[in-house]
Amino acid sequence: MEARVLRRVGIDEYVVLDRAASERWEYVNGEAYAMAGGSPEHAMVMGNVLAALKQALRGKNSHALPEAQKEVRALPI
């Protein structure tokens, strides 16, 4: 799937758009692009990587999060 441009927007307008949207967006040179979903193969590889990272970080003050994680906030250990 090809990402399509939404329209030219300022950075402030993009931040409002991104925070209100459930899907992921990318901002490049004043244009907002909806990010396309990945293939099943990509999802499988990312799941395996996430599982390995979670295991490696067990007991440490760090978290492994999926690539589609949008919200950034403090997480409980």
N, C-alpha and C. Protein backbone atom coordinates (compact mmCIF):
# COMPACT_ATOMS: atom_id res chain seq x y z
N MET A 1 0.84 -1.17 0.00
CA MET A 1 0.00 0.00 0.00
C MET A 1 0.88 1.23 0.00
N GLU A 2 0.50 2.22 -0.75
CA GLU A 2 1.26 3.45 -0.87
C GLU A 2 0.69 4.51 0.07
N ALA A 3 1.57 5.21 0.79
CA ALA A 3 1.11 6.30 1.66
C ALA A 3 0.66 7.46 0.78
N ARG A 4 -0.46 8.07 1.14
CA ARG A 4 -0.97 9.20 0.38
C ARG A 4 -0.87 10.47 1.21
N VAL A 5 -0.59 11.57 0.54
CA VAL A 5 -0.49 12.83 1.26
C VAL A 5 -1.88 13.33 1.64
N LEU A 6 -2.01 13.84 2.83
CA LEU A 6 -3.29 14.40 3.27
C LEU A 6 -3.42 15.79 2.68
N ARG A 7 -2.52 16.68 3.07
CA ARG A 7 -2.48 18.05 2.56
C ARG A 7 -1.32 18.76 3.23
N ARG A 8 -0.99 19.93 2.74
CA ARG A 8 0.07 20.72 3.37
C ARG A 8 -0.48 21.29 4.67
N VAL A 9 0.28 21.12 5.74
CA VAL A 9 -0.14 21.61 7.05
C VAL A 9 1.07 22.16 7.79
N GLY A 10 0.82 23.06 8.73
CA GLY A 10 1.87 23.54 9.60
C GLY A 10 2.12 22.52 10.69
N ILE A 11 3.25 22.63 11.37
CA ILE A 11 3.60 21.66 12.40
C ILE A 11 2.58 21.64 13.53
N ASP A 12 2.07 22.80 13.94
CA ASP A 12 1.07 22.84 15.01
C ASP A 12 -0.20 22.10 14.61
N GLU A 13 -0.64 22.30 13.38
CA GLU A 13 -1.84 21.61 12.89
C GLU A 13 -1.59 20.10 12.78
N TYR A 14 -0.37 19.72 12.36
CA TYR A 14 -0.03 18.30 12.27
C TYR A 14 -0.09 17.63 13.65
N VAL A 15 0.46 18.29 14.66
CA VAL A 15 0.47 17.71 16.01
C VAL A 15 -0.96 17.48 16.48
N VAL A 16 -1.85 18.43 16.24
CA VAL A 16 -3.26 18.26 16.61
C VAL A 16 -3.86 17.08 15.85
N LEU A 17 -3.61 16.99 14.55
CA LEU A 17 -4.11 15.89 13.72
C LEU A 17 -3.60 14.55 14.25
N ASP A 18 -2.30 14.46 14.50
CA ASP A 18 -1.70 13.20 14.93
C ASP A 18 -2.23 12.75 16.29
N ARG A 19 -2.37 13.67 17.21
CA ARG A 19 -2.86 13.31 18.55
C ARG A 19 -4.31 12.86 18.53
N ALA A 20 -5.11 13.39 17.59
CA ALA A 20 -6.52 13.03 17.52
C ALA A 20 -6.77 11.75 16.72
N ALA A 21 -5.80 11.33 15.92
CA ALA A 21 -5.99 10.19 15.02
C ALA A 21 -5.64 8.87 15.70
N SER A 22 -6.35 7.81 15.33
CA SER A 22 -6.01 6.48 15.83
C SER A 22 -4.89 5.85 15.00
N GLU A 23 -4.77 6.23 13.73
CA GLU A 23 -3.71 5.70 12.88
C GLU A 23 -2.45 6.55 13.04
N ARG A 24 -1.36 6.04 12.51
CA ARG A 24 -0.09 6.76 12.59
C ARG A 24 0.07 7.69 11.40
N TRP A 25 0.70 8.83 11.64
CA TRP A 25 0.96 9.82 10.60
C TRP A 25 2.43 10.18 10.61
N GLU A 26 2.94 10.60 9.47
CA GLU A 26 4.31 11.08 9.35
C GLU A 26 4.26 12.48 8.75
N TYR A 27 5.12 13.36 9.24
CA TYR A 27 5.17 14.74 8.77
C TYR A 27 6.49 14.96 8.05
N VAL A 28 6.42 15.31 6.75
CA VAL A 28 7.62 15.52 5.95
C VAL A 28 7.46 16.77 5.13
N ASN A 29 8.32 17.74 5.35
CA ASN A 29 8.34 18.98 4.56
C ASN A 29 6.96 19.62 4.42
N GLY A 30 6.24 19.71 5.53
CA GLY A 30 4.94 20.39 5.52
C GLY A 30 3.79 19.54 5.04
N GLU A 31 4.01 18.25 4.78
CA GLU A 31 2.93 17.38 4.32
C GLU A 31 2.72 16.25 5.31
N ALA A 32 1.45 15.93 5.60
CA ALA A 32 1.11 14.85 6.51
C ALA A 32 0.73 13.61 5.71
N TYR A 33 1.38 12.49 6.01
CA TYR A 33 1.13 11.23 5.32
C TYR A 33 0.58 10.20 6.29
N ALA A 34 -0.51 9.53 5.90
CA ALA A 34 -1.01 8.40 6.68
C ALA A 34 -0.04 7.25 6.43
N MET A 35 0.37 6.56 7.50
CA MET A 35 1.31 5.47 7.37
C MET A 35 0.56 4.17 7.05
N ALA A 36 1.02 3.48 6.04
CA ALA A 36 0.40 2.22 5.62
C ALA A 36 0.72 1.10 6.60
N GLY A 37 -0.14 0.11 6.65
CA GLY A 37 0.10 -1.05 7.51
C GLY A 37 1.16 -1.97 6.91
N GLY A 38 1.71 -2.84 7.73
CA GLY A 38 2.76 -3.75 7.28
C GLY A 38 2.18 -5.08 6.82
N SER A 39 3.05 -5.90 6.25
CA SER A 39 2.64 -7.22 5.77
C SER A 39 2.60 -8.21 6.93
N PRO A 40 1.94 -9.36 6.76
CA PRO A 40 1.95 -10.38 7.80
C PRO A 40 3.38 -10.84 8.14
N GLU A 41 4.25 -10.91 7.15
CA GLU A 41 5.64 -11.31 7.40
C GLU A 41 6.35 -10.28 8.28
N HIS A 42 6.11 -9.01 8.00
CA HIS A 42 6.69 -7.94 8.80
C HIS A 42 6.19 -8.03 10.24
N ALA A 43 4.90 -8.27 10.41
CA ALA A 43 4.32 -8.39 11.75
C ALA A 43 4.94 -9.56 12.51
N MET A 44 5.19 -10.66 11.84
CA MET A 44 5.79 -11.83 12.48
C MET A 44 7.22 -11.52 12.94
N VAL A 45 8.00 -10.91 12.07
CA VAL A 45 9.38 -10.55 12.44
C VAL A 45 9.37 -9.57 13.61
N MET A 46 8.52 -8.57 13.56
CA MET A 46 8.47 -7.58 14.63
C MET A 46 8.00 -8.21 15.95
N GLY A 47 7.08 -9.14 15.88
CA GLY A 47 6.64 -9.84 17.08
C GLY A 47 7.77 -10.63 17.71
N ASN A 48 8.56 -11.32 16.88
CA ASN A 48 9.70 -12.09 17.37
C ASN A 48 10.77 -11.17 17.98
N VAL A 49 11.03 -10.05 17.34
CA VAL A 49 12.02 -9.09 17.86
C VAL A 49 11.54 -8.53 19.19
N LEU A 50 10.26 -8.15 19.27
CA LEU A 50 9.71 -7.60 20.51
C LEU A 50 9.82 -8.63 21.64
N ALA A 51 9.48 -9.88 21.37
CA ALA A 51 9.57 -10.92 22.40
C ALA A 51 11.01 -11.08 22.89
N ALA A 52 11.97 -11.07 21.99
CA ALA A 52 13.38 -11.21 22.37
C ALA A 52 13.84 -10.00 23.19
N LEU A 53 13.43 -8.81 22.78
CA LEU A 53 13.80 -7.60 23.53
C LEU A 53 13.19 -7.61 24.93
N LYS A 54 11.92 -7.99 25.03
CA LYS A 54 11.27 -8.05 26.34
C LYS A 54 12.01 -9.00 27.27
N GLN A 55 12.42 -10.14 26.76
CA GLN A 55 13.16 -11.12 27.55
C GLN A 55 14.51 -10.54 27.98
N ALA A 56 15.20 -9.89 27.06
CA ALA A 56 16.52 -9.33 27.36
C ALA A 56 16.43 -8.19 28.37
N LEU A 57 15.31 -7.47 28.40
CA LEU A 57 15.16 -6.33 29.30
C LEU A 57 14.50 -6.68 30.62
N ARG A 58 14.13 -7.93 30.81
CA ARG A 58 13.47 -8.35 32.05
C ARG A 58 14.31 -7.96 33.26
N GLY A 59 13.67 -7.28 34.23
CA GLY A 59 14.35 -6.86 35.45
C GLY A 59 15.12 -5.56 35.32
N LYS A 60 15.13 -4.96 34.15
CA LYS A 60 15.82 -3.69 33.93
C LYS A 60 14.80 -2.56 33.90
N ASN A 61 15.26 -1.35 34.02
CA ASN A 61 14.39 -0.17 34.01
C ASN A 61 14.14 0.31 32.57
N SER A 62 13.76 -0.61 31.69
CA SER A 62 13.50 -0.30 30.29
C SER A 62 12.33 -1.14 29.80
N HIS A 63 11.71 -0.69 28.73
CA HIS A 63 10.58 -1.41 28.14
C HIS A 63 10.80 -1.55 26.64
N ALA A 64 10.39 -2.67 26.11
CA ALA A 64 10.34 -2.86 24.66
C ALA A 64 8.89 -2.65 24.25
N LEU A 65 8.65 -1.75 23.31
CA LEU A 65 7.29 -1.43 22.87
C LEU A 65 7.14 -1.75 21.39
N PRO A 66 5.94 -2.08 20.96
CA PRO A 66 5.72 -2.37 19.53
C PRO A 66 5.91 -1.12 18.69
N GLU A 67 6.22 -1.32 17.43
CA GLU A 67 6.47 -0.19 16.53
C GLU A 67 5.28 0.73 16.37
N ALA A 68 4.08 0.22 16.55
CA ALA A 68 2.88 1.02 16.36
C ALA A 68 2.52 1.82 17.60
N GLN A 69 3.33 1.76 18.63
CA GLN A 69 3.06 2.50 19.84
C GLN A 69 3.01 3.98 19.51
N LYS A 70 1.93 4.62 19.85
CA LYS A 70 1.77 6.03 19.52
C LYS A 70 1.95 6.91 20.74
N GLU A 71 1.30 6.57 21.84
CA GLU A 71 1.34 7.40 23.03
C GLU A 71 2.64 7.16 23.79
N VAL A 72 3.26 8.23 24.24
CA VAL A 72 4.47 8.14 25.04
C VAL A 72 4.16 8.68 26.42
N ARG A 73 4.34 7.84 27.43
CA ARG A 73 4.10 8.24 28.82
C ARG A 73 4.88 7.31 29.72
N ALA A 74 4.96 7.65 30.98
CA ALA A 74 5.68 6.81 31.93
C ALA A 74 4.93 5.48 32.10
N LEU A 75 5.68 4.40 32.11
CA LEU A 75 5.10 3.08 32.27
C LEU A 75 5.52 2.49 33.61
N PRO A 76 4.64 1.71 34.25
CA PRO A 76 5.06 1.05 35.49
C PRO A 76 6.07 -0.04 35.19
N ILE A 77 6.98 -0.25 36.08
CA ILE A 77 7.99 -1.30 35.90
C ILE A 77 7.41 -2.62 36.34
